[in-house]
Amino acid sequence: MTDISADGVGVQIAAPAREGEANEELIHYLADILSIKKRSISLDKGSKSRQKMVTIDSTETSVDQVRERLSREALYE
């Protein structure tokens, strides 16, 4: 993770941006950071853009937990 702000979260993905590889890697990365199942994360907007919007199933984790885990990850990188 490279940045976290009120506007969003910056993430650098090593996977190429072709055939959905980067999108899959992003979902895998977020699932790992948030300790949730990949199927609980969906890409809502930006599948072919650098800016993306993801939705996380609220039964898996709370908004506060997501913020805390992303903030903690941003500190360690």
Protein backbone atom coordinates (compact mmCIF):
# COMPACT_ATOMS: atom_id res chain seq x y z
CA MET A 1 0.00 0.00 0.00
CA THR A 2 1.35 3.41 -0.85
CA ASP A 3 -1.14 5.88 0.59
CA ILE A 4 -4.35 6.23 2.58
CA SER A 5 -6.39 9.42 2.73
CA ALA A 6 -9.97 10.64 2.98
CA ASP A 7 -10.16 10.40 -0.84
CA GLY A 8 -9.06 6.79 -1.14
CA VAL A 9 -6.33 4.23 -0.79
CA GLY A 10 -3.30 4.05 -3.04
CA VAL A 11 -2.06 0.57 -3.88
CA GLN A 12 0.72 -0.49 -6.26
CA ILE A 13 0.07 -3.83 -7.90
CA ALA A 14 2.84 -5.75 -9.64
CA ALA A 15 0.46 -7.71 -11.89
CA PRO A 16 0.05 -6.44 -15.46
CA ALA A 17 -3.05 -4.46 -16.38
CA ARG A 18 -4.31 -6.96 -18.94
CA GLU A 19 -7.03 -9.57 -18.91
CA GLY A 20 -8.07 -8.56 -15.39
CA GLU A 21 -4.81 -9.69 -13.78
CA ALA A 22 -4.26 -6.44 -11.86
CA ASN A 23 -7.89 -6.42 -10.71
CA GLU A 24 -7.57 -9.98 -9.41
CA GLU A 25 -4.31 -9.13 -7.66
CA LEU A 26 -5.94 -6.07 -6.04
CA ILE A 27 -8.81 -8.19 -4.70
CA HIS A 28 -6.38 -10.83 -3.45
CA TYR A 29 -4.24 -8.16 -1.75
CA LEU A 30 -7.22 -6.51 -0.04
CA ALA A 31 -8.61 -9.86 1.09
CA ASP A 32 -5.24 -10.70 2.62
CA ILE A 33 -4.86 -7.33 4.38
CA LEU A 34 -8.43 -7.37 5.66
CA SER A 35 -8.42 -11.09 6.56
CA ILE A 36 -11.62 -11.75 4.61
CA LYS A 37 -12.62 -14.04 1.75
CA LYS A 38 -11.93 -12.82 -1.80
CA ARG A 39 -15.56 -13.41 -2.73
CA SER A 40 -16.52 -10.77 -0.13
CA ILE A 41 -14.83 -8.07 -2.24
CA SER A 42 -16.26 -6.90 -5.53
CA LEU A 43 -14.99 -4.39 -8.05
CA ASP A 44 -17.85 -1.94 -8.64
CA LYS A 45 -16.23 0.66 -10.88
CA GLY A 46 -13.01 1.11 -12.78
CA SER A 47 -12.26 -2.38 -14.03
CA LYS A 48 -10.31 -0.80 -16.93
CA SER A 49 -9.19 2.34 -15.09
CA ARG A 50 -6.43 3.20 -12.66
CA GLN A 51 -9.06 4.45 -10.21
CA LYS A 52 -11.30 1.72 -8.89
CA MET A 53 -14.14 1.39 -6.43
CA VAL A 54 -14.52 -1.79 -4.44
CA THR A 55 -17.33 -2.98 -2.22
CA ILE A 56 -16.72 -5.16 0.82
CA ASP A 57 -19.47 -7.39 2.21
CA SER A 58 -20.38 -5.87 5.56
CA THR A 59 -21.02 -9.29 7.12
CA GLU A 60 -17.29 -10.01 6.84
CA THR A 61 -15.96 -6.87 8.55
CA SER A 62 -17.00 -3.43 9.73
CA VAL A 63 -16.06 -0.08 8.22
CA ASP A 64 -14.02 0.71 11.33
CA GLN A 65 -12.11 -2.57 11.02
CA VAL A 66 -11.37 -1.85 7.35
CA ARG A 67 -10.04 1.62 8.19
CA GLU A 68 -7.94 0.30 11.06
CA ARG A 69 -6.40 -2.53 9.03
CA LEU A 70 -5.67 -0.32 6.03
CA SER A 71 -4.15 2.37 8.26
CA ARG A 72 -2.00 -0.21 10.03
CA GLU A 73 -0.81 -1.62 6.68
CA ALA A 74 0.04 1.87 5.39
CA LEU A 75 2.23 2.45 8.45
CA TYR A 76 4.26 -0.73 7.91
CA GLU A 77 5.08 -0.08 4.27
